[in-house]
């Protein structure tokens, strides 16, 4: 054997992996570890289109907002298209649209006749609104209904009016997710991809066009998540600025700074508390996000102080961050929650408004209106945990991610020659609250990938996305005997889109990968995105309530449990 071959060392595992696109992680400065800088926007695309260097660089800088706005514009056009159709109160719109109108007129939820009587009168021409001022017991706090009421205030008590604000929030949530994805992944492309996936999700689309509360919860929680991401960057930037530099100008971890440095006023965390309060005052499942996000932000603070050089980062967080972190979120959310009941407090006829008046006892020192609210909310809690009425479209949370049992919001069977049925056979007009199947099934794989990234590679981005998914999903397993529906999952759909985006980012290849590896990754990722887009377009008629031949409707029922 030649001496050179005998002395040659075997290739390391890192060298062997380079052929698959692996690149050894470079050493990163402490400040860049605390706050990863945004890369310079690439202008080569615009240069290839024939623009001058200055114009190309200007457009590249604008892409951080221009790309998300373009994605949101497309999503908005789709969501507002024929928003008033069908002219009906679909599914639980029969409760929330009417409660919203009562809030607008009375400041609290009034009483309505049975829906078989009230609904036709509301939809009739001329319209009759049979609202009375007697307070009604309702199962959810008022914020989401106040949001719906804004649309009714502008456009009246009709389908377009009561769906207007959910369409607005659905469109804005696409814009927010683009920006959140950009901040999370430090990539405008991946941010816009996350927003585009949300725009192409069928469940999000259907919920954006229905006057239900769950999309409102999703919007406020997503806004809180975005605020916490901004707060994370701002606080870590202050910590990085406090680190001393050595004689060479290099910043190194410093134990005293990591242990004792403050992070200043954190208005974005206060804003997150405000949005979480609005989420909880829409539906109570927003409270779980508050609990999960408090833990998440504390762990972020621990990680920041560890990178800054703290000897005992947990102790440093307990001393410097815990109190203000909790105060910025929990009390702010609580005050916001109580404030949303202002209309009820100001009324005389709201349900249970004067229950505590004149009552003594141990808690008599608490103002009577607050005790009355507590009694009311306890009754609501008892109602919600005891809701076991069988429903044809109820489902167990175990089946949500695989789309085991979607909810039928609306179904009609127009006869030939009527209501858009232009065939010689019967037609179907359907609104099915079904996520885009290929997106959701891809998300199942993406969640497993994120578990690997979080557990074995300590990727905080994966942990943040998993935390949000867990906050929206896991609590429902505590209520498996309760009547629940799969469309509740809309609150964590944005984070499924972030998970798929993060997985596709890995498919595209790591920084520094060869051109061949990048090309192969782009082809694979592009094929999956195009398949998801095709899947959304294919199911679009049963998301938007279009009239199609019965055979076409049946062909879209891929699983028997969807019928």
Protein backbone atom coordinates (compact mmCIF):
# COMPACT_ATOMS: atom_id res chain seq x y z
CA UNK A 1 0.00 0.00 0.00
CA UNK A 2 1.42 3.43 -0.88
CA UNK A 3 2.60 5.44 2.13
CA UNK A 4 0.30 8.39 1.30
CA UNK A 5 -2.76 6.13 1.26
CA UNK A 6 -1.69 4.45 4.50
CA UNK A 7 -1.25 7.79 6.29
CA UNK A 8 -4.46 9.31 4.94
CA UNK A 9 -6.97 9.92 7.72
CA UNK A 10 -10.54 8.74 7.16
CA UNK A 11 -12.96 11.53 6.26
CA UNK A 12 -14.82 12.99 9.21
CA UNK A 13 -18.60 12.69 9.36
CA UNK A 14 -18.82 16.41 8.62
CA UNK A 15 -16.73 15.97 5.46
CA UNK A 16 -18.83 13.00 4.36
CA UNK A 17 -22.02 15.02 4.85
CA UNK A 18 -20.77 17.90 2.70
CA UNK A 19 -21.79 16.00 -0.41
CA UNK A 20 -25.40 16.29 0.85
CA UNK A 21 -25.15 20.02 1.39
CA UNK A 22 -23.90 20.07 5.00
CA UNK A 23 -21.80 23.09 5.86
CA UNK A 24 -19.95 23.37 9.16
CA UNK A 25 -21.55 26.00 11.37
CA UNK A 26 -19.33 29.09 11.43
CA UNK A 27 -18.41 30.84 14.65
CA UNK A 28 -20.78 33.70 15.28
CA UNK A 29 -20.09 36.87 17.24
CA UNK A 30 -21.92 37.23 20.55
CA UNK A 31 -23.96 40.20 19.41
CA UNK A 32 -25.03 38.36 16.27
CA UNK A 33 -25.98 35.35 18.40
CA UNK A 34 -28.15 37.55 20.56
CA UNK A 35 -29.79 39.32 17.60
CA UNK A 36 -29.34 37.60 14.26
CA UNK A 37 -29.02 40.38 11.67
CA UNK A 38 -31.31 40.55 8.66
CA UNK A 39 -29.40 39.71 5.47
CA UNK A 40 -28.97 42.39 2.85
CA UNK A 41 -31.88 42.20 0.39
CA UNK A 42 -30.83 40.63 -2.89
CA UNK A 43 -31.29 42.80 -5.97
CA UNK A 44 -30.09 40.38 -8.64
CA UNK A 45 -33.64 39.38 -9.61
CA UNK A 46 -34.54 42.97 -10.47
CA UNK A 47 -31.20 43.47 -12.24
CA UNK A 48 -31.95 40.51 -14.50
CA UNK A 49 -35.27 42.11 -15.38
CA UNK A 50 -33.35 45.02 -16.84
CA UNK A 51 -33.60 47.57 -14.02
CA UNK A 52 -30.72 49.81 -13.11
CA UNK A 53 -28.62 49.03 -10.05
CA UNK A 54 -30.14 51.86 -8.01
CA UNK A 55 -33.73 50.91 -8.93
CA UNK A 56 -33.03 47.23 -8.25
CA UNK A 57 -31.61 47.98 -4.81
CA UNK A 58 -34.54 50.24 -4.01
CA UNK A 59 -37.07 47.55 -4.95
CA UNK A 60 -35.10 44.96 -2.98
CA UNK A 61 -35.33 47.17 0.12
CA UNK A 62 -39.05 47.62 -0.39
CA UNK A 63 -39.61 43.87 -0.76
CA UNK A 64 -39.71 43.49 3.02
CA UNK A 65 -43.11 45.19 2.93
CA UNK A 66 -43.97 44.92 -0.75
CA UNK A 67 -43.93 41.12 -0.82
CA UNK A 68 -46.18 40.68 2.23
CA UNK A 69 -48.57 43.36 0.98
CA UNK A 70 -48.87 41.63 -2.39
CA UNK A 71 -49.59 38.25 -0.75
CA UNK A 72 -52.17 39.89 1.54
CA UNK A 73 -53.81 41.64 -1.44
CA UNK A 74 -54.33 38.32 -3.24
CA UNK A 75 -55.65 36.74 -0.04
CA UNK A 76 -58.01 39.67 0.52
CA UNK A 77 -59.45 39.55 -2.99
CA UNK A 78 -60.21 35.85 -2.54
CA UNK A 79 -61.80 36.38 0.87
CA UNK A 80 -64.03 39.29 -0.15
CA UNK A 81 -65.15 37.66 -3.40
CA UNK A 82 -68.92 37.05 -3.10
CA UNK A 83 -68.66 37.51 0.66
CA UNK A 84 -72.41 37.93 1.03
CA UNK A 85 -73.10 34.51 -0.49
CA UNK A 86 -74.84 32.41 0.63
CA UNK A 87 -77.54 34.70 1.91
CA UNK A 88 -78.08 32.70 5.07
CA UNK A 89 -76.97 32.40 8.66
CA UNK A 90 -74.50 29.54 8.30
CA UNK A 91 -73.78 27.29 11.28
CA UNK A 92 -73.18 29.36 14.47
CA UNK A 93 -73.66 32.69 12.69
CA UNK A 94 -77.20 32.37 13.97
CA UNK A 95 -75.84 33.16 17.45
CA UNK A 96 -72.92 35.52 16.95
CA UNK A 97 -74.33 37.75 14.21
CA UNK A 98 -77.43 38.42 16.29
CA UNK A 99 -75.50 38.88 19.54
CA UNK A 100 -73.23 41.36 17.75
CA UNK A 101 -76.25 43.37 16.63
CA UNK A 102 -77.60 43.35 20.19
CA UNK A 103 -74.27 44.65 21.51
CA UNK A 104 -74.37 47.40 18.92
CA UNK A 105 -77.89 48.44 19.92
CA UNK A 106 -77.99 47.68 23.66
CA UNK A 107 -74.39 47.30 24.86
CA UNK A 108 -75.11 43.74 26.00
CA UNK A 109 -76.54 40.55 24.51
CA UNK A 110 -80.32 40.90 24.27
CA UNK A 111 -82.99 38.26 23.70
CA UNK A 112 -84.17 36.86 20.37
CA UNK A 113 -86.99 34.50 19.42
CA UNK A 114 -86.15 30.95 18.38
CA UNK A 115 -83.86 30.95 15.36
CA UNK A 116 -86.50 29.27 13.20
CA UNK A 117 -88.51 32.44 13.69
CA UNK A 118 -85.79 35.11 13.93
CA UNK A 119 -83.52 34.00 11.08
CA UNK A 120 -86.13 34.21 8.28
CA UNK A 121 -87.26 37.61 9.57
CA UNK A 122 -83.70 38.96 9.50
CA UNK A 123 -83.16 37.68 5.95
CA UNK A 124 -86.57 38.82 4.68
CA UNK A 125 -87.26 41.86 2.53
CA UNK A 126 -88.45 44.04 4.18
CA UNK A 127 -86.32 43.06 7.14
CA UNK A 128 -87.72 42.53 10.63
CA UNK A 129 -85.31 42.53 13.59
CA UNK A 130 -87.09 40.86 16.54
CA UNK A 131 -84.62 41.96 19.26
CA UNK A 132 -85.87 42.57 22.79
CA UNK A 133 -83.93 44.25 25.60
CA UNK A 134 -84.10 41.40 28.10
CA UNK A 135 -80.59 40.17 28.91
CA UNK A 136 -79.67 36.74 27.51
CA UNK A 137 -77.24 34.18 28.90
CA UNK A 138 -74.43 33.66 26.39
CA UNK A 139 -71.55 31.19 26.39
CA UNK A 140 -68.68 33.48 25.35
CA UNK A 141 -67.28 36.90 26.33
CA UNK A 142 -68.14 39.92 24.19
CA UNK A 143 -64.98 41.00 22.30
CA UNK A 144 -65.41 38.78 19.25
CA UNK A 145 -69.01 39.88 18.90
CA UNK A 146 -67.99 43.53 19.19
CA UNK A 147 -65.60 42.89 16.29
CA UNK A 148 -68.43 41.40 14.21
CA UNK A 149 -70.60 44.36 15.23
CA UNK A 150 -68.17 46.77 13.55
CA UNK A 151 -69.08 45.28 10.18
CA UNK A 152 -72.77 45.38 10.99
CA UNK A 153 -72.41 49.02 12.03
CA UNK A 154 -70.98 49.85 8.62
CA UNK A 155 -73.07 47.59 6.36
CA UNK A 156 -76.13 46.56 8.34
CA UNK A 157 -77.47 43.27 9.64
CA UNK A 158 -76.97 41.20 6.51
CA UNK A 159 -74.50 38.48 5.44
CA UNK A 160 -71.93 40.91 4.05
CA UNK A 161 -72.15 43.06 7.16
CA UNK A 162 -71.69 40.31 9.72
CA UNK A 163 -68.88 38.63 7.71
CA UNK A 164 -67.02 41.82 6.84
CA UNK A 165 -64.74 42.02 9.87
CA UNK A 166 -63.74 38.36 9.87
CA UNK A 167 -62.72 38.80 6.22
CA UNK A 168 -60.69 41.88 7.22
CA UNK A 169 -58.99 40.03 10.07
CA UNK A 170 -58.36 36.99 7.87
CA UNK A 171 -56.65 39.21 5.30
CA UNK A 172 -54.62 41.09 7.93
CA UNK A 173 -53.54 37.81 9.51
CA UNK A 174 -51.95 36.79 6.19
CA UNK A 175 -50.03 40.08 6.17
CA UNK A 176 -48.98 39.61 9.79
CA UNK A 177 -47.80 36.06 9.19
CA UNK A 178 -45.64 37.21 6.27
CA UNK A 179 -43.94 39.72 8.55
CA UNK A 180 -43.73 37.28 11.46
CA UNK A 181 -42.20 34.63 9.23
CA UNK A 182 -39.72 37.18 7.91
CA UNK A 183 -38.62 38.08 11.45
CA UNK A 184 -38.56 34.47 12.60
CA UNK A 185 -36.56 33.10 9.67
CA UNK A 186 -34.71 36.31 8.69
CA UNK A 187 -35.93 35.76 5.14
CA UNK A 188 -38.49 37.75 3.17
CA UNK A 189 -38.96 34.80 0.83
CA UNK A 190 -39.79 32.38 3.63
CA UNK A 191 -41.99 34.95 5.33
CA UNK A 192 -44.03 35.47 2.18
CA UNK A 193 -44.18 31.70 1.71
CA UNK A 194 -45.68 31.28 5.20
CA UNK A 195 -48.29 33.94 4.44
CA UNK A 196 -49.07 32.38 1.07
CA UNK A 197 -49.62 28.99 2.71
CA UNK A 198 -52.03 30.59 5.17
CA UNK A 199 -53.84 32.30 2.28
CA UNK A 200 -54.22 28.87 0.63
CA UNK A 201 -55.52 27.04 3.67
CA UNK A 202 -59.13 26.02 3.28
CA UNK A 203 -60.04 26.19 6.97
CA UNK A 204 -58.61 29.68 7.32
CA UNK A 205 -60.42 30.72 4.15
CA UNK A 206 -63.80 29.41 5.32
CA UNK A 207 -63.43 30.91 8.80
CA UNK A 208 -62.47 34.27 7.23
CA UNK A 209 -65.86 34.27 5.51
CA UNK A 210 -68.05 33.32 8.47
CA UNK A 211 -69.13 35.36 11.48
CA UNK A 212 -67.72 32.97 14.07
CA UNK A 213 -65.39 33.75 16.96
CA UNK A 214 -62.50 31.37 16.39
CA UNK A 215 -60.80 33.37 13.66
CA UNK A 216 -60.98 36.46 15.88
CA UNK A 217 -59.13 34.52 18.60
CA UNK A 218 -56.57 33.44 16.01
CA UNK A 219 -55.99 37.04 14.92
CA UNK A 220 -55.40 38.41 18.42
CA UNK A 221 -53.15 35.51 19.39
CA UNK A 222 -51.10 35.92 16.19
CA UNK A 223 -50.76 39.65 16.93
CA UNK A 224 -49.51 38.79 20.43
CA UNK A 225 -47.03 36.28 19.00
CA UNK A 226 -45.68 38.92 16.62
CA UNK A 227 -45.36 41.44 19.47
CA UNK A 228 -43.39 38.93 21.54
CA UNK A 229 -41.01 38.30 18.64
CA UNK A 230 -40.33 42.03 18.35
CA UNK A 231 -39.91 42.25 22.12
CA UNK A 232 -37.41 39.39 22.00
CA UNK A 233 -35.27 41.14 19.40
CA UNK A 234 -35.42 44.52 21.18
CA UNK A 235 -34.56 43.10 24.63
CA UNK A 236 -31.66 41.01 23.30
CA UNK A 237 -30.37 44.06 21.39
CA UNK A 238 -30.25 46.05 24.65
CA UNK A 239 -28.46 43.19 26.35
CA UNK A 240 -25.95 42.98 23.49
CA UNK A 241 -25.35 46.74 23.68
CA UNK A 242 -24.56 46.42 27.39
CA UNK A 243 -21.78 43.86 26.85
CA UNK A 244 -18.27 45.34 27.18
CA UNK A 245 -15.75 45.21 24.34
CA UNK A 246 -12.12 44.15 24.76
CA UNK A 247 -9.06 46.02 23.50
CA UNK A 248 -9.54 44.58 20.02
CA UNK A 249 -13.11 45.85 19.90
CA UNK A 250 -14.57 42.36 20.07
CA UNK A 251 -17.55 41.74 22.31
CA UNK A 252 -17.33 38.71 24.53
CA UNK A 253 -19.75 37.14 27.03
CA UNK A 254 -19.55 38.90 30.39
CA UNK A 255 -20.87 37.28 33.57
CA UNK A 256 -21.67 40.47 35.54
CA UNK A 257 -23.50 41.95 32.56
CA UNK A 258 -25.39 38.73 31.85
CA UNK A 259 -26.42 38.45 35.50
CA UNK A 260 -27.38 42.04 36.25
CA UNK A 261 -28.04 44.03 33.06
CA UNK A 262 -31.60 45.28 32.61
CA UNK A 263 -33.52 45.17 29.38
CA UNK A 264 -35.40 48.44 29.81
CA UNK A 265 -39.06 49.18 29.23
CA UNK A 266 -40.70 46.52 27.09
CA UNK A 267 -43.77 48.05 25.42
CA UNK A 268 -44.11 45.22 22.92
CA UNK A 269 -44.57 42.73 25.75
CA UNK A 270 -47.29 44.97 27.21
CA UNK A 271 -48.91 45.07 23.76
CA UNK A 272 -48.80 41.26 23.69
CA UNK A 273 -50.60 41.18 27.05
CA UNK A 274 -53.26 43.49 25.61
CA UNK A 275 -53.85 41.26 22.58
CA UNK A 276 -53.93 38.12 24.73
CA UNK A 277 -56.57 39.80 26.89
CA UNK A 278 -58.62 40.46 23.74
CA UNK A 279 -58.17 36.83 22.68
CA UNK A 280 -59.35 35.52 26.07
CA UNK A 281 -62.30 37.93 26.03
CA UNK A 282 -63.37 36.45 22.69
CA UNK A 283 -63.20 32.80 23.73
CA UNK A 284 -61.65 31.35 26.84
CA UNK A 285 -59.19 29.15 24.96
CA UNK A 286 -57.18 32.36 24.58
CA UNK A 287 -56.19 31.92 28.25
CA UNK A 288 -54.08 28.89 27.36
CA UNK A 289 -52.02 30.99 24.98
CA UNK A 290 -51.41 33.46 27.80
CA UNK A 291 -50.07 30.69 30.05
CA UNK A 292 -47.91 29.11 27.33
CA UNK A 293 -46.52 32.44 26.14
CA UNK A 294 -45.54 33.52 29.66
CA UNK A 295 -43.38 30.39 29.95
CA UNK A 296 -42.04 30.86 26.41
CA UNK A 297 -40.90 34.43 27.03
CA UNK A 298 -39.18 33.47 30.29
CA UNK A 299 -37.27 30.73 28.49
CA UNK A 300 -36.28 33.25 25.82
CA UNK A 301 -34.92 35.50 28.57
CA UNK A 302 -32.97 32.57 30.05
CA UNK A 303 -31.41 31.86 26.66
CA UNK A 304 -30.48 35.52 26.16
CA UNK A 305 -28.74 35.77 29.52
CA UNK A 306 -26.92 32.50 28.95
CA UNK A 307 -25.51 33.79 25.64
CA UNK A 308 -24.58 37.08 27.34
CA UNK A 309 -22.46 35.12 29.83
CA UNK A 310 -24.66 34.79 32.93
CA UNK A 311 -23.26 32.20 35.35
CA UNK A 312 -26.74 31.18 36.51
CA UNK A 313 -29.18 32.35 33.82
CA UNK A 314 -32.28 30.98 35.57
CA UNK A 315 -31.44 32.82 38.75
CA UNK A 316 -30.71 35.97 36.74
CA UNK A 317 -34.13 35.74 35.09
CA UNK A 318 -35.83 35.21 38.43
CA UNK A 319 -34.17 38.33 39.78
CA UNK A 320 -34.27 40.63 36.77
CA UNK A 321 -37.01 39.48 34.37
CA UNK A 322 -39.68 37.30 36.00
CA UNK A 323 -41.58 40.01 37.82
CA UNK A 324 -41.80 42.47 34.95
CA UNK A 325 -42.47 39.69 32.45
CA UNK A 326 -45.46 38.41 34.37
CA UNK A 327 -46.70 41.94 35.13
CA UNK A 328 -46.46 42.91 31.47
CA UNK A 329 -48.63 40.00 30.39
CA UNK A 330 -50.99 38.65 33.05
CA UNK A 331 -52.30 41.85 34.72
CA UNK A 332 -52.52 43.65 31.37
CA UNK A 333 -54.53 40.76 29.94
CA UNK A 334 -56.77 40.69 33.03
CA UNK A 335 -57.49 44.44 32.90
CA UNK A 336 -58.19 44.18 29.17
CA UNK A 337 -60.56 41.27 29.76
CA UNK A 338 -62.58 43.15 32.38
CA UNK A 339 -62.62 46.33 30.27
CA UNK A 340 -64.28 44.48 27.38
CA UNK A 341 -67.35 44.06 29.60
CA UNK A 342 -67.87 47.83 29.81
CA UNK A 343 -71.18 47.69 27.92
CA UNK A 344 -72.48 45.07 30.35
CA UNK A 345 -71.28 47.07 33.38
CA UNK A 346 -73.00 50.19 32.06
CA UNK A 347 -76.32 48.43 31.53
CA UNK A 348 -79.20 47.65 33.85
CA UNK A 349 -80.69 44.76 31.90
CA UNK A 350 -77.61 42.69 31.04
CA UNK A 351 -77.94 39.06 32.14
CA UNK A 352 -77.05 38.76 35.83
CA UNK A 353 -75.89 42.37 35.96
CA UNK A 354 -77.32 43.03 39.46
CA UNK A 355 -76.94 39.54 40.92
CA UNK A 356 -74.59 40.73 43.69
CA UNK A 357 -76.48 43.90 44.60
CA UNK A 358 -77.34 43.83 48.31
CA UNK A 359 -75.60 40.48 48.92
CA UNK A 360 -73.23 40.21 51.87
CA UNK A 361 -70.76 37.51 52.75
CA UNK A 362 -67.00 37.00 52.77
CA UNK A 363 -66.45 38.75 49.45
CA UNK A 364 -68.70 41.73 50.09
CA UNK A 365 -65.67 44.04 50.03
CA UNK A 366 -65.35 43.42 46.25
CA UNK A 367 -67.54 45.82 44.22
CA UNK A 368 -70.91 44.28 43.40
CA UNK A 369 -70.53 44.59 39.58
CA UNK A 370 -67.32 42.53 39.69
CA UNK A 371 -68.95 39.88 41.89
CA UNK A 372 -71.91 39.78 39.52
CA UNK A 373 -69.53 39.27 36.59
CA UNK A 374 -67.72 36.50 38.48
CA UNK A 375 -71.03 34.73 39.17
CA UNK A 376 -72.03 35.08 35.51
CA UNK A 377 -68.69 33.73 34.30
CA UNK A 378 -68.86 30.81 36.72
CA UNK A 379 -72.20 29.88 35.16
CA UNK A 380 -70.63 30.14 31.71
CA UNK A 381 -67.81 27.84 32.82
CA UNK A 382 -70.28 25.28 34.13
CA UNK A 383 -72.16 25.43 30.84
CA UNK A 384 -69.06 25.00 28.69
CA UNK A 385 -67.47 22.10 30.57
CA UNK A 386 -70.85 20.37 30.76
CA UNK A 387 -71.66 20.67 27.06
CA UNK A 388 -72.11 17.06 25.96
CA UNK A 389 -74.97 17.36 23.48
CA UNK A 390 -74.28 14.98 20.55
CA UNK A 391 -73.69 16.68 17.20
CA UNK A 392 -73.34 15.11 13.78
CA UNK A 393 -70.11 16.95 13.03
CA UNK A 394 -68.38 16.83 16.42
CA UNK A 395 -64.90 15.30 16.41
CA UNK A 396 -62.18 14.18 18.76
CA UNK A 397 -59.02 16.33 18.84
CA UNK A 398 -56.97 13.26 17.88
CA UNK A 399 -58.43 13.51 14.38
CA UNK A 400 -57.93 17.23 13.78
CA UNK A 401 -54.44 17.26 12.28
CA UNK A 402 -55.31 14.54 9.76
CA UNK A 403 -58.66 16.22 8.94
CA UNK A 404 -60.69 13.28 10.14
CA UNK A 405 -64.03 15.07 10.54
CA UNK A 406 -64.52 18.55 9.01
CA UNK A 407 -67.64 20.56 9.78
CA UNK A 408 -70.33 21.20 7.19
CA UNK A 409 -71.34 24.86 7.53
CA UNK A 410 -73.83 25.01 4.67
CA UNK A 411 -75.38 22.60 2.16
CA UNK A 412 -78.10 22.96 -0.44
CA UNK A 413 -79.08 20.83 -3.43
CA UNK A 414 -80.28 23.14 -6.22
CA UNK A 415 -82.36 21.45 -8.87
CA UNK A 416 -81.35 21.70 -12.55
CA UNK A 417 -81.94 25.18 -13.92
CA UNK A 418 -82.11 26.89 -10.50
CA UNK A 419 -79.59 28.78 -8.37
CA UNK A 420 -76.65 28.36 -10.72
CA UNK A 421 -77.23 24.68 -11.49
CA UNK A 422 -76.74 24.58 -15.27
CA UNK A 423 -76.63 20.81 -15.69
CA UNK A 424 -79.35 18.25 -16.25
CA UNK A 425 -78.61 16.54 -12.93
CA UNK A 426 -78.83 17.75 -9.35
CA UNK A 427 -76.14 20.05 -7.99
CA UNK A 428 -74.54 20.73 -4.62
CA UNK A 429 -73.77 24.01 -2.90
CA UNK A 430 -71.45 23.44 0.03
CA UNK A 431 -69.31 25.27 2.57
CA UNK A 432 -67.06 22.74 4.29
CA UNK A 433 -64.68 23.85 7.04
CA UNK A 434 -61.84 21.67 5.81
CA UNK A 435 -58.16 22.52 5.84
CA UNK A 436 -56.29 22.14 2.56
CA UNK A 437 -55.43 18.43 2.83
CA UNK A 438 -51.91 18.46 1.37
CA UNK A 439 -50.99 21.45 3.55
CA UNK A 440 -52.22 19.81 6.75
CA UNK A 441 -50.72 16.42 5.98
CA UNK A 442 -47.42 18.12 5.18
CA UNK A 443 -47.73 19.97 8.48
CA UNK A 444 -47.86 16.63 10.32
CA UNK A 445 -44.42 15.81 8.88
CA UNK A 446 -43.21 19.36 9.55
CA UNK A 447 -44.16 19.14 13.24
CA UNK A 448 -42.02 16.01 13.59
CA UNK A 449 -39.13 17.87 11.94
CA UNK A 450 -39.58 20.79 14.34
CA UNK A 451 -39.57 18.41 17.31
CA UNK A 452 -36.18 17.19 16.09
CA UNK A 453 -34.91 20.76 15.61
CA UNK A 454 -36.06 21.80 19.07
CA UNK A 455 -35.12 18.71 21.06
CA UNK A 456 -31.79 17.83 19.43
CA UNK A 457 -30.59 21.07 17.82
CA UNK A 458 -31.99 23.54 20.36
CA UNK A 459 -33.54 25.68 17.64
CA UNK A 460 -35.57 28.36 19.42
CA UNK A 461 -37.65 29.02 16.31
CA UNK A 462 -38.91 25.44 16.33
CA UNK A 463 -39.66 25.75 20.03
CA UNK A 464 -41.67 28.95 19.52
CA UNK A 465 -43.79 27.42 16.76
CA UNK A 466 -44.35 24.21 18.73
CA UNK A 467 -45.34 26.23 21.80
CA UNK A 468 -48.01 28.08 19.84
CA UNK A 469 -49.33 24.88 18.28
CA UNK A 470 -49.40 23.24 21.69
CA UNK A 471 -51.26 26.17 23.25
CA UNK A 472 -53.97 25.99 20.61
CA UNK A 473 -54.20 22.20 20.36
CA UNK A 474 -53.22 20.31 23.51
CA UNK A 475 -55.79 21.83 25.93
CA UNK A 476 -58.64 20.33 23.93
CA UNK A 477 -57.49 16.86 24.98
CA UNK A 478 -58.68 17.76 28.49
CA UNK A 479 -62.24 17.97 27.12
CA UNK A 480 -62.55 14.87 24.98
CA UNK A 481 -65.99 14.14 26.40
CA UNK A 482 -67.19 17.65 25.53
CA UNK A 483 -68.85 18.53 22.23
CA UNK A 484 -65.98 20.03 20.19
CA UNK A 485 -65.42 20.71 16.51
CA UNK A 486 -62.40 20.55 14.25
CA UNK A 487 -62.72 24.18 13.13
CA UNK A 488 -61.44 25.19 16.59
CA UNK A 489 -58.05 24.31 15.10
CA UNK A 490 -58.03 27.54 13.08
CA UNK A 491 -56.33 29.23 16.06
CA UNK A 492 -53.11 27.32 15.39
CA UNK A 493 -53.25 27.16 11.58
CA UNK A 494 -50.71 30.04 11.20
CA UNK A 495 -48.15 28.06 13.17
CA UNK A 496 -48.72 24.97 11.04
CA UNK A 497 -47.88 27.19 8.06
CA UNK A 498 -44.73 28.38 9.85
CA UNK A 499 -43.81 24.74 10.53
CA UNK A 500 -44.20 23.79 6.87
CA UNK A 501 -42.22 26.88 5.87
CA UNK A 502 -39.38 25.98 8.21
CA UNK A 503 -39.32 22.46 6.78
CA UNK A 504 -39.26 23.84 3.23
CA UNK A 505 -36.43 26.16 4.24
CA UNK A 506 -34.43 23.10 5.24
CA UNK A 507 -35.32 21.44 1.94
CA UNK A 508 -33.98 24.49 0.10
CA UNK A 509 -30.61 23.86 1.71
CA UNK A 510 -28.41 25.47 4.36
CA UNK A 511 -26.45 28.69 3.77
CA UNK A 512 -23.37 27.99 1.72
CA UNK A 513 -24.76 24.89 0.04
CA UNK A 514 -23.68 24.18 -3.50
CA UNK A 515 -25.68 25.50 -6.44
CA UNK A 516 -26.69 21.95 -7.36
CA UNK A 517 -27.99 21.30 -3.83
CA UNK A 518 -29.88 24.58 -3.87
CA UNK A 519 -31.44 23.80 -7.25
CA UNK A 520 -32.55 20.34 -6.14
CA UNK A 521 -34.02 21.78 -2.95
CA UNK A 522 -35.82 24.56 -4.81
CA UNK A 523 -37.38 22.04 -7.20
CA UNK A 524 -38.55 19.79 -4.35
CA UNK A 525 -39.94 22.70 -2.31
CA UNK A 526 -41.55 24.28 -5.37
CA UNK A 527 -43.30 21.04 -6.30
CA UNK A 528 -44.82 20.76 -2.82
CA UNK A 529 -45.98 24.39 -2.82
CA UNK A 530 -47.54 24.00 -6.28
CA UNK A 531 -49.32 20.83 -5.17
CA UNK A 532 -50.73 22.67 -2.14
CA UNK A 533 -51.86 25.52 -4.40
CA UNK A 534 -53.52 23.05 -6.78
CA UNK A 535 -55.18 21.33 -3.82
CA UNK A 536 -56.64 24.63 -2.60
CA UNK A 537 -57.93 25.50 -6.08
CA UNK A 538 -59.44 22.03 -6.47
CA UNK A 539 -61.38 22.32 -3.19
CA UNK A 540 -62.20 26.01 -3.66
CA UNK A 541 -65.81 25.37 -4.84
CA UNK A 542 -66.66 23.63 -1.54
CA UNK A 543 -64.90 26.35 0.47
CA UNK A 544 -66.75 29.22 -1.18
CA UNK A 545 -70.24 27.73 -1.57
CA UNK A 546 -70.23 27.53 -5.36
CA UNK A 547 -72.89 25.47 -7.10
CA UNK A 548 -71.30 22.43 -8.75
CA UNK A 549 -72.66 19.12 -10.12
CA UNK A 550 -73.27 16.51 -7.46
CA UNK A 551 -70.66 14.21 -9.02
CA UNK A 552 -68.01 16.92 -8.69
CA UNK A 553 -68.92 17.41 -5.03
CA UNK A 554 -68.72 13.67 -4.40
CA UNK A 555 -65.31 13.47 -6.08
CA UNK A 556 -63.97 15.96 -3.54
CA UNK A 557 -65.05 13.83 -0.59
CA UNK A 558 -61.74 12.00 -0.37
CA UNK A 559 -62.66 10.40 2.95
CA UNK A 560 -66.06 9.02 3.85
CA UNK A 561 -65.84 10.84 7.19
CA UNK A 562 -65.98 14.16 5.30
CA UNK A 563 -69.60 13.55 4.30
